[in-house]
Amino acid sequence: MTDSPTPPCPLTGLRVLDLATLFAGPLAATLLGDFGAEVIKVEHPTKPDPSRGHGPSKDGIGLWWKVLGRNKRTTTLDLSKPGGRATLLRLAATADVVIENFRPGTLEKWDLGWEELSAANPRLILTRVTGFGQFGPYAHRPGFGTLAEAMSGFAAITGEPDAPPVLPPFGLADSIAGLATAYAVLTALAARDRTGEGQVVDMALIEPILTVLGPQPTWYDQLGHVQPRTGNRSQNNAPRNTYRTADGTWVAVSTSAQSVAERLMHLVGRPDLIDQPWFATGSDRARHADVLDEAVGTWIAGRTRADVLAAFEKAEAAVAPVQDVRDVMTDPQYAALGTVTTVDDPELGPLRMQNVLFRLSATPGAIRWAGRPHGADTEEVLTELGLTPAELATLRAEGAL
């Protein structure tokens, strides 16, 4: 581990206990840690966060964990043991935030609910991340991001019109909920600055993804409109699609602005379409997507991707290459922004991963270290807390560490 960056990060001095697993809660803690919060990852002694074993590994070391566990010190505690419970309460008394994602009632079963935690620390923010929230008919069901992607309406509008609904091949709902949880924590901390008191954050995976899906509930409420699956096309503008180039690659085109749509028609040699009455609005253009896709697709199919991108840029039309991770790693815009950075790791050496989420001009965030081994900092953290060697030995004998 390295020293904190200078100047101090904006969340320096904030202490977060990350009790959560897979993936929204831990991601929220990661985002807070990226900007200076001291994050202590608390895992079960024999059942670590499953994200350590998700996806590809190198030399038996999970690579996803290296990203998700960055800027966190790792400790072990069995919260179901009396010693584990007592130690968690001692840690909570020193913390600003606890993030957990057990099923509702689990912490209460261990006598670690809001009543006990707030008694130990009235300024604590207890952040509870679950599939369905803390109450309601589904609250006690097991909940995962896949279920949120299905329930929210995301899968129903994703895919081709005549094909099955499509789930994302990554943790979309969890990631959105992780971002929302970090925002919720900061909001609760701002309230604490005024009131002096902590509170409970109740985050359900099924809600943030519904928010980012846009005005679908309002459309349905006011118009009875149900958004259908349209593949890559949009009901709000056209042309909007992916198109194959002459060298077998793909580009994505958007025309959300009327002026961009008009410039694109000039570029592809079809300015006559601009004069059509239906070209004047995005929704009307969307109803004539076949005509527009034919015009744009034919023009792009006759040129290499490099030529297409250059022509679009000269015409000030909106285009982007469809990139996989190999392209991302060499993309000049990502390189200029420093979006992918290198972190030195004691286990694996130099690691490349996504950088902190945004840039602050005066108090930037930083990745101080990648994900640490399971329980690597247990003795250090608990010794700092004031536990003696004899107390640590007792906890180990009990199986609480």
Protein backbone atom coordinates (compact mmCIF):
# COMPACT_ATOMS: atom_id res chain seq x y z
CA MET A 1 0.00 0.00 0.00
CA THR A 2 1.15 3.54 -0.68
CA ASP A 3 0.64 6.79 1.14
CA SER A 4 -2.44 8.92 0.43
CA PRO A 5 -2.04 11.27 -2.52
CA THR A 6 -1.33 14.97 -2.12
CA PRO A 7 -3.39 17.16 -2.12
CA PRO A 8 -5.79 15.30 0.20
CA CYS A 9 -8.76 13.69 -1.49
CA PRO A 10 -12.17 15.26 -0.75
CA LEU A 11 -13.39 12.30 1.34
CA THR A 12 -10.24 11.95 3.43
CA GLY A 13 -11.27 11.41 7.04
CA LEU A 14 -14.42 9.47 6.14
CA ARG A 15 -14.45 5.88 7.42
CA VAL A 16 -16.56 3.26 5.62
CA LEU A 17 -17.17 -0.34 6.66
CA ASP A 18 -17.93 -2.45 3.59
CA LEU A 19 -19.83 -5.55 4.74
CA ALA A 20 -21.45 -6.12 1.33
CA THR A 21 -20.85 -8.60 -1.50
CA LEU A 22 -21.70 -8.90 -5.20
CA PHE A 23 -21.63 -6.06 -6.47
CA ALA A 24 -23.60 -2.86 -5.87
CA GLY A 25 -22.66 -2.30 -2.23
CA PRO A 26 -18.95 -3.02 -2.71
CA LEU A 27 -18.88 -0.78 -5.81
CA ALA A 28 -20.35 2.10 -3.82
CA ALA A 29 -17.60 1.62 -1.23
CA THR A 30 -15.00 1.54 -4.02
CA LEU A 31 -16.25 4.84 -5.42
CA LEU A 32 -16.02 6.44 -1.97
CA GLY A 33 -12.55 4.99 -1.46
CA ASP A 34 -11.38 6.37 -4.80
CA PHE A 35 -11.86 9.88 -3.43
CA GLY A 36 -10.14 9.36 -0.13
CA ALA A 37 -12.52 7.53 2.20
CA GLU A 38 -10.86 4.94 4.40
CA VAL A 39 -12.69 1.75 3.43
CA ILE A 40 -12.43 -1.35 5.60
CA LYS A 41 -13.69 -4.45 3.83
CA VAL A 42 -15.18 -6.90 6.34
CA GLU A 43 -15.50 -10.47 5.02
CA HIS A 44 -16.42 -13.80 6.56
CA PRO A 45 -13.30 -15.72 7.66
CA THR A 46 -14.05 -18.74 5.46
CA LYS A 47 -16.52 -17.33 2.91
CA PRO A 48 -14.96 -14.25 1.31
CA ASP A 49 -16.76 -11.90 -1.05
CA PRO A 50 -17.65 -14.12 -4.05
CA SER A 51 -16.42 -11.40 -6.41
CA ARG A 52 -12.92 -12.68 -5.61
CA GLY A 53 -13.78 -15.74 -7.68
CA HIS A 54 -15.89 -14.15 -10.42
CA GLY A 55 -14.55 -14.04 -13.95
CA PRO A 56 -11.03 -14.72 -15.16
CA SER A 57 -8.14 -15.09 -12.73
CA LYS A 58 -4.36 -15.04 -13.03
CA ASP A 59 -2.20 -17.31 -10.89
CA GLY A 60 -5.35 -18.12 -8.89
CA ILE A 61 -5.97 -14.44 -8.11
CA GLY A 62 -9.34 -13.02 -9.20
CA LEU A 63 -8.90 -9.98 -11.44
CA TRP A 64 -12.38 -8.52 -10.87
CA TRP A 65 -11.57 -8.28 -7.17
CA LYS A 66 -8.43 -6.29 -7.97
CA VAL A 67 -10.70 -3.55 -9.33
CA LEU A 68 -13.64 -3.87 -6.93
CA GLY A 69 -11.38 -4.19 -3.89
CA ARG A 70 -9.07 -1.29 -4.68
CA ASN A 71 -8.42 1.31 -1.96
CA LYS A 72 -9.83 -1.06 0.69
CA ARG A 73 -8.16 -2.64 3.69
CA THR A 74 -9.37 -6.19 4.14
CA THR A 75 -10.37 -7.76 7.45
CA THR A 76 -12.29 -10.85 8.51
CA LEU A 77 -15.09 -11.13 11.07
CA ASP A 78 -17.82 -13.71 11.58
CA LEU A 79 -20.69 -11.44 12.63
CA SER A 80 -22.74 -14.39 13.86
CA LYS A 81 -20.20 -15.07 16.62
CA PRO A 82 -20.44 -13.08 19.88
CA GLY A 83 -16.89 -11.86 19.49
CA GLY A 84 -17.46 -10.90 15.86
CA ARG A 85 -20.60 -8.99 16.79
CA ALA A 86 -18.86 -7.13 19.61
CA THR A 87 -15.90 -6.25 17.39
CA LEU A 88 -18.18 -5.00 14.61
CA LEU A 89 -19.92 -2.70 17.10
CA ARG A 90 -16.54 -1.36 18.16
CA LEU A 91 -15.63 -0.72 14.53
CA ALA A 92 -19.01 0.89 13.86
CA ALA A 93 -18.43 3.29 16.75
CA THR A 94 -15.41 4.65 14.83
CA ALA A 95 -17.06 4.70 11.39
CA ASP A 96 -19.15 7.14 9.41
CA VAL A 97 -20.80 4.64 7.08
CA VAL A 98 -21.68 0.94 7.11
CA ILE A 99 -22.65 -0.65 3.77
CA GLU A 100 -24.34 -4.07 3.89
CA ASN A 101 -26.43 -6.20 1.57
CA PHE A 102 -27.69 -9.06 3.73
CA ARG A 103 -31.32 -10.06 3.31
CA PRO A 104 -33.64 -7.94 5.47
CA GLY A 105 -33.64 -9.19 9.03
CA THR A 106 -30.18 -10.78 8.93
CA LEU A 107 -28.38 -8.05 10.85
CA GLU A 108 -31.28 -7.96 13.29
CA LYS A 109 -30.91 -11.71 13.83
CA TRP A 110 -27.33 -11.05 14.94
CA ASP A 111 -28.41 -8.11 17.14
CA LEU A 112 -26.63 -5.76 14.74
CA GLY A 113 -29.63 -3.87 13.39
CA TRP A 114 -30.13 -0.12 13.31
CA GLU A 115 -31.10 -0.04 16.97
CA GLU A 116 -27.80 -1.53 18.09
CA LEU A 117 -25.61 0.22 15.52
CA SER A 118 -27.10 3.67 16.14
CA ALA A 119 -26.74 3.15 19.88
CA ALA A 120 -23.04 2.49 19.30
CA ASN A 121 -22.75 5.50 16.99
CA PRO A 122 -25.67 7.96 16.63
CA ARG A 123 -23.90 9.65 13.67
CA LEU A 124 -23.64 6.43 11.64
CA ILE A 125 -25.09 6.08 8.15
CA LEU A 126 -26.33 2.50 7.75
CA THR A 127 -26.60 1.79 4.03
CA ARG A 128 -28.69 -1.26 3.17
CA VAL A 129 -28.52 -2.53 -0.42
CA THR A 130 -30.89 -5.36 -1.35
CA GLY A 131 -32.70 -6.66 -4.39
CA PHE A 132 -36.14 -5.39 -3.42
CA GLY A 133 -35.73 -3.05 -0.45
CA GLN A 134 -36.35 -3.50 3.25
CA PHE A 135 -40.14 -3.95 3.08
CA GLY A 136 -42.87 -5.05 0.69
CA PRO A 137 -44.04 -8.46 -0.56
CA TYR A 138 -40.70 -9.32 -2.23
CA ALA A 139 -38.38 -7.98 0.48
CA HIS A 140 -37.24 -11.39 1.74
CA ARG A 141 -36.66 -12.91 -1.69
CA PRO A 142 -33.07 -13.42 -2.86
CA GLY A 143 -32.33 -10.56 -5.22
CA PHE A 144 -29.73 -10.15 -7.96
CA GLY A 145 -29.12 -7.62 -10.70
CA THR A 146 -30.51 -9.98 -13.34
CA LEU A 147 -33.88 -9.90 -11.63
CA ALA A 148 -33.81 -6.10 -11.52
CA GLU A 149 -32.97 -5.96 -15.23
CA ALA A 150 -36.00 -8.14 -15.91
CA MET A 151 -38.45 -6.50 -13.49
CA SER A 152 -37.60 -2.90 -14.34
CA GLY A 153 -38.55 -3.12 -18.00
CA PHE A 154 -34.98 -3.03 -19.27
CA ALA A 155 -35.00 -6.53 -20.77
CA ALA A 156 -38.44 -5.99 -22.28
CA ILE A 157 -37.19 -3.15 -24.50
CA THR A 158 -33.78 -4.64 -25.29
CA GLY A 159 -33.25 -6.78 -28.40
CA GLU A 160 -34.78 -7.07 -31.84
CA PRO A 161 -38.58 -6.79 -32.22
CA ASP A 162 -39.06 -10.43 -33.21
CA ALA A 163 -36.47 -11.86 -30.78
CA PRO A 164 -36.58 -12.68 -27.06
CA PRO A 165 -35.90 -10.01 -24.44
CA VAL A 166 -32.17 -9.54 -23.88
CA LEU A 167 -30.30 -9.36 -20.57
CA PRO A 168 -26.99 -7.44 -20.44
CA PRO A 169 -23.81 -9.57 -20.38
CA PHE A 170 -22.48 -7.67 -17.34
CA GLY A 171 -23.76 -6.34 -14.01
CA LEU A 172 -25.77 -3.41 -15.30
CA ALA A 173 -28.36 -3.09 -12.52
CA ASP A 174 -25.71 -3.66 -9.84
CA SER A 175 -23.44 -1.02 -11.36
CA ILE A 176 -26.21 1.56 -11.61
CA ALA A 177 -27.23 0.79 -8.03
CA GLY A 178 -23.60 1.14 -6.92
CA LEU A 179 -23.45 4.63 -8.40
CA ALA A 180 -26.79 5.49 -6.83
CA THR A 181 -25.69 4.12 -3.45
CA ALA A 182 -22.57 6.28 -3.40
CA TYR A 183 -24.79 9.29 -4.16
CA ALA A 184 -27.22 8.24 -1.42
CA VAL A 185 -24.40 7.95 1.12
CA LEU A 186 -23.09 11.42 0.30
CA THR A 187 -26.63 12.81 0.53
CA ALA A 188 -27.13 11.25 3.96
CA LEU A 189 -23.76 12.60 5.09
CA ALA A 190 -24.77 16.09 3.95
CA ALA A 191 -27.94 15.77 6.03
CA ARG A 192 -25.85 14.65 9.00
CA ASP A 193 -23.78 17.82 8.70
CA ARG A 194 -26.97 19.78 9.42
CA THR A 195 -28.69 17.53 11.96
CA GLY A 196 -25.76 15.82 13.64
CA GLU A 197 -27.59 12.49 13.38
CA GLY A 198 -27.16 9.44 11.21
CA GLN A 199 -29.88 7.54 9.38
CA VAL A 200 -30.66 4.46 7.30
CA VAL A 201 -30.29 4.37 3.50
CA ASP A 202 -32.63 1.81 1.90
CA MET A 203 -31.42 1.03 -1.64
CA ALA A 204 -33.27 -1.54 -3.78
CA LEU A 205 -31.60 -2.79 -6.99
CA ILE A 206 -34.93 -2.63 -8.83
CA GLU A 207 -35.21 1.17 -8.46
CA PRO A 208 -32.11 2.94 -9.87
CA ILE A 209 -32.32 1.02 -13.15
CA LEU A 210 -35.95 2.06 -13.49
CA THR A 211 -34.86 5.68 -13.05
CA VAL A 212 -32.32 5.52 -15.88
CA LEU A 213 -34.89 3.95 -18.23
CA GLY A 214 -36.45 7.38 -18.54
CA PRO A 215 -40.10 8.49 -18.66
CA GLN A 216 -41.68 5.10 -19.37
CA PRO A 217 -44.05 5.19 -16.35
CA THR A 218 -45.19 8.69 -17.28
CA TRP A 219 -45.69 7.74 -20.92
CA TYR A 220 -47.82 4.81 -19.82
CA ASP A 221 -49.71 6.83 -17.21
CA GLN A 222 -50.62 9.64 -19.59
CA LEU A 223 -50.83 7.89 -22.95
CA GLY A 224 -51.03 4.16 -22.30
CA HIS A 225 -47.80 3.92 -24.30
CA VAL A 226 -45.65 0.79 -23.83
CA GLN A 227 -42.19 1.08 -25.35
CA PRO A 228 -41.53 -1.88 -27.69
CA ARG A 229 -38.27 -3.58 -28.57
CA THR A 230 -36.74 -1.80 -31.55
CA GLY A 231 -33.24 -3.26 -31.70
CA ASN A 232 -30.69 -0.51 -32.34
CA ARG A 233 -33.33 1.84 -33.64
CA SER A 234 -35.00 4.57 -31.60
CA GLN A 235 -38.59 5.77 -31.61
CA ASN A 236 -37.33 9.29 -31.03
CA ASN A 237 -34.96 9.86 -33.94
CA ALA A 238 -33.44 8.32 -37.06
CA PRO A 239 -31.08 7.38 -38.49
CA ARG A 240 -29.84 5.75 -35.29
CA ASN A 241 -28.20 2.38 -35.76
CA THR A 242 -24.97 0.45 -36.19
CA TYR A 243 -23.62 0.11 -39.72
CA ARG A 244 -21.00 -2.18 -41.21
CA THR A 245 -18.03 -0.61 -43.01
CA ALA A 246 -16.19 -1.85 -46.07
CA ASP A 247 -13.39 -3.33 -43.96
CA GLY A 248 -15.80 -5.40 -41.85
CA THR A 249 -15.91 -3.18 -38.77
CA TRP A 250 -18.89 -1.31 -37.33
CA VAL A 251 -19.78 2.26 -36.47
CA ALA A 252 -22.68 3.70 -34.48
CA VAL A 253 -24.55 6.78 -35.70
CA SER A 254 -26.84 9.11 -33.78
CA THR A 255 -28.95 12.02 -35.00
CA SER A 256 -30.63 13.25 -31.83
CA ALA A 257 -30.24 16.86 -33.05
CA GLN A 258 -32.07 17.98 -36.19
CA SER A 259 -29.02 19.88 -37.48
CA VAL A 260 -26.90 16.73 -37.21
CA ALA A 261 -29.49 14.71 -39.14
CA GLU A 262 -29.43 17.31 -41.92
CA ARG A 263 -25.64 17.39 -42.09
CA LEU A 264 -25.60 13.60 -42.29
CA MET A 265 -27.94 13.58 -45.27
CA HIS A 266 -25.66 16.00 -47.09
CA LEU A 267 -22.67 13.80 -46.24
CA VAL A 268 -24.22 10.60 -47.62
CA GLY A 269 -25.44 12.32 -50.77
CA ARG A 270 -29.14 12.36 -49.97
CA PRO A 271 -30.00 16.02 -49.28
CA ASP A 272 -33.30 15.39 -51.06
CA LEU A 273 -34.58 13.56 -47.99
CA ILE A 274 -34.31 16.75 -45.91
CA ASP A 275 -37.12 18.24 -47.99
CA GLN A 276 -39.51 15.44 -47.12
CA PRO A 277 -42.26 16.64 -44.74
CA TRP A 278 -41.53 13.77 -42.35
CA PHE A 279 -37.86 14.75 -41.96
CA ALA A 280 -38.67 17.74 -39.77
CA THR A 281 -38.97 15.86 -36.46
CA GLY A 282 -37.10 12.99 -34.86
CA SER A 283 -40.19 10.89 -34.23
CA ASP A 284 -41.33 11.27 -37.85
CA ARG A 285 -37.85 10.35 -39.07
CA ALA A 286 -38.01 7.27 -36.85
CA ARG A 287 -41.13 6.13 -38.72
CA HIS A 288 -39.10 6.24 -41.94
CA ALA A 289 -36.02 4.51 -40.54
CA ASP A 290 -35.90 1.98 -43.38
CA VAL A 291 -35.33 4.74 -45.94
CA LEU A 292 -32.75 6.51 -43.81
CA ASP A 293 -30.90 3.34 -42.84
CA GLU A 294 -30.66 2.39 -46.49
CA ALA A 295 -29.16 5.76 -47.39
CA VAL A 296 -26.67 5.84 -44.54
CA GLY A 297 -25.87 2.13 -44.56
CA THR A 298 -25.12 2.06 -48.29
CA TRP A 299 -22.77 5.04 -48.02
CA ILE A 300 -20.91 3.59 -45.03
CA ALA A 301 -20.68 0.11 -46.57
CA GLY A 302 -18.59 1.54 -49.40
CA ARG A 303 -15.90 3.01 -47.15
CA THR A 304 -13.42 1.86 -44.53
CA ARG A 305 -14.02 2.73 -40.91
CA ALA A 306 -11.14 5.20 -40.90
CA ASP A 307 -12.59 7.00 -43.93
CA VAL A 308 -16.08 7.01 -42.41
CA LEU A 309 -14.88 8.48 -39.12
CA ALA A 310 -12.83 11.14 -40.89
CA ALA A 311 -15.72 12.14 -43.16
CA PHE A 312 -18.16 12.34 -40.26
CA GLU A 313 -15.77 14.50 -38.26
CA LYS A 314 -15.29 16.87 -41.17
CA ALA A 315 -19.07 17.10 -41.64
CA GLU A 316 -19.64 17.56 -37.87
CA ALA A 317 -21.95 14.55 -37.81
CA ALA A 318 -22.11 12.21 -34.80
CA VAL A 319 -20.40 8.82 -35.11
CA ALA A 320 -18.35 6.45 -32.98
CA PRO A 321 -16.55 3.19 -33.74
CA VAL A 322 -18.07 0.08 -32.16
CA GLN A 323 -15.10 -0.89 -30.02
CA ASP A 324 -14.25 -3.93 -27.97
CA VAL A 325 -11.88 -3.77 -25.01
CA ARG A 326 -8.82 -4.05 -27.28
CA ASP A 327 -9.83 -0.84 -29.01
CA VAL A 328 -10.68 0.87 -25.73
CA MET A 329 -7.17 0.23 -24.42
CA THR A 330 -5.62 2.12 -27.36
CA ASP A 331 -8.30 4.74 -28.01
CA PRO A 332 -6.71 8.21 -28.13
CA GLN A 333 -9.60 9.95 -26.33
CA TYR A 334 -9.54 7.49 -23.43
CA ALA A 335 -5.75 7.88 -23.38
CA ALA A 336 -6.01 11.66 -23.21
CA LEU A 337 -8.47 11.45 -20.31
CA GLY A 338 -6.42 8.84 -18.48
CA THR A 339 -9.52 6.65 -18.27
CA VAL A 340 -7.45 3.47 -18.03
CA THR A 341 -4.55 3.72 -15.61
CA THR A 342 -1.80 1.44 -14.32
CA VAL A 343 -1.67 0.35 -10.68
CA ASP A 344 1.33 -1.43 -9.17
CA ASP A 345 0.20 -4.55 -7.33
CA PRO A 346 2.39 -6.66 -5.00
CA GLU A 347 0.79 -9.89 -6.23
CA LEU A 348 0.52 -9.35 -9.98
CA GLY A 349 2.77 -6.42 -10.78
CA PRO A 350 1.51 -3.58 -13.00
CA LEU A 351 -2.26 -3.79 -13.51
CA ARG A 352 -4.31 -1.72 -15.93
CA MET A 353 -7.84 -0.84 -14.86
CA GLN A 354 -10.45 1.91 -15.10
CA ASN A 355 -9.38 5.08 -13.34
CA VAL A 356 -11.49 7.02 -10.83
CA LEU A 357 -14.90 7.96 -12.16
CA PHE A 358 -14.40 11.69 -12.74
CA ARG A 359 -11.77 14.42 -12.53
CA LEU A 360 -11.72 17.12 -9.85
CA SER A 361 -9.39 20.04 -10.57
CA ALA A 362 -8.41 20.81 -6.97
CA THR A 363 -8.89 17.58 -5.01
CA PRO A 364 -8.59 14.66 -7.42
CA GLY A 365 -9.20 11.05 -6.47
CA ALA A 366 -6.62 8.32 -6.82
CA ILE A 367 -6.17 4.54 -6.85
CA ARG A 368 -3.76 3.94 -4.00
CA TRP A 369 -3.70 0.15 -4.28
CA ALA A 370 -5.54 -2.69 -5.99
CA GLY A 371 -7.69 -5.29 -4.20
CA ARG A 372 -5.84 -6.85 -1.25
CA PRO A 373 -5.76 -10.53 -0.24
CA HIS A 374 -8.54 -11.90 1.94
CA GLY A 375 -8.05 -10.74 5.53
CA ALA A 376 -4.68 -9.15 4.81
CA ASP A 377 -5.21 -6.21 7.16
CA THR A 378 -7.20 -7.87 9.95
CA GLU A 379 -4.53 -7.65 12.64
CA GLU A 380 -3.54 -4.10 11.67
CA VAL A 381 -7.11 -2.76 11.67
CA LEU A 382 -8.13 -4.43 14.92
CA THR A 383 -4.90 -3.45 16.67
CA GLU A 384 -5.57 0.15 15.65
CA LEU A 385 -9.04 -0.30 17.14
CA GLY A 386 -7.39 -1.11 20.48
CA LEU A 387 -7.67 -4.88 20.60
CA THR A 388 -4.84 -6.58 22.46
CA PRO A 389 -2.96 -9.67 21.27
CA ALA A 390 -4.90 -11.65 23.87
CA GLU A 391 -8.23 -10.39 22.52
CA LEU A 392 -7.18 -11.25 18.97
CA ALA A 393 -6.22 -14.72 20.10
CA THR A 394 -9.61 -15.16 21.79
CA LEU A 395 -11.42 -14.09 18.61
CA ARG A 396 -9.36 -16.55 16.56
CA ALA A 397 -10.10 -19.35 18.98
CA GLU A 398 -13.80 -18.56 18.72
CA GLY A 399 -13.63 -18.65 14.93
CA ALA A 400 -14.66 -14.99 14.71
CA LEU A 401 -11.55 -14.06 12.66
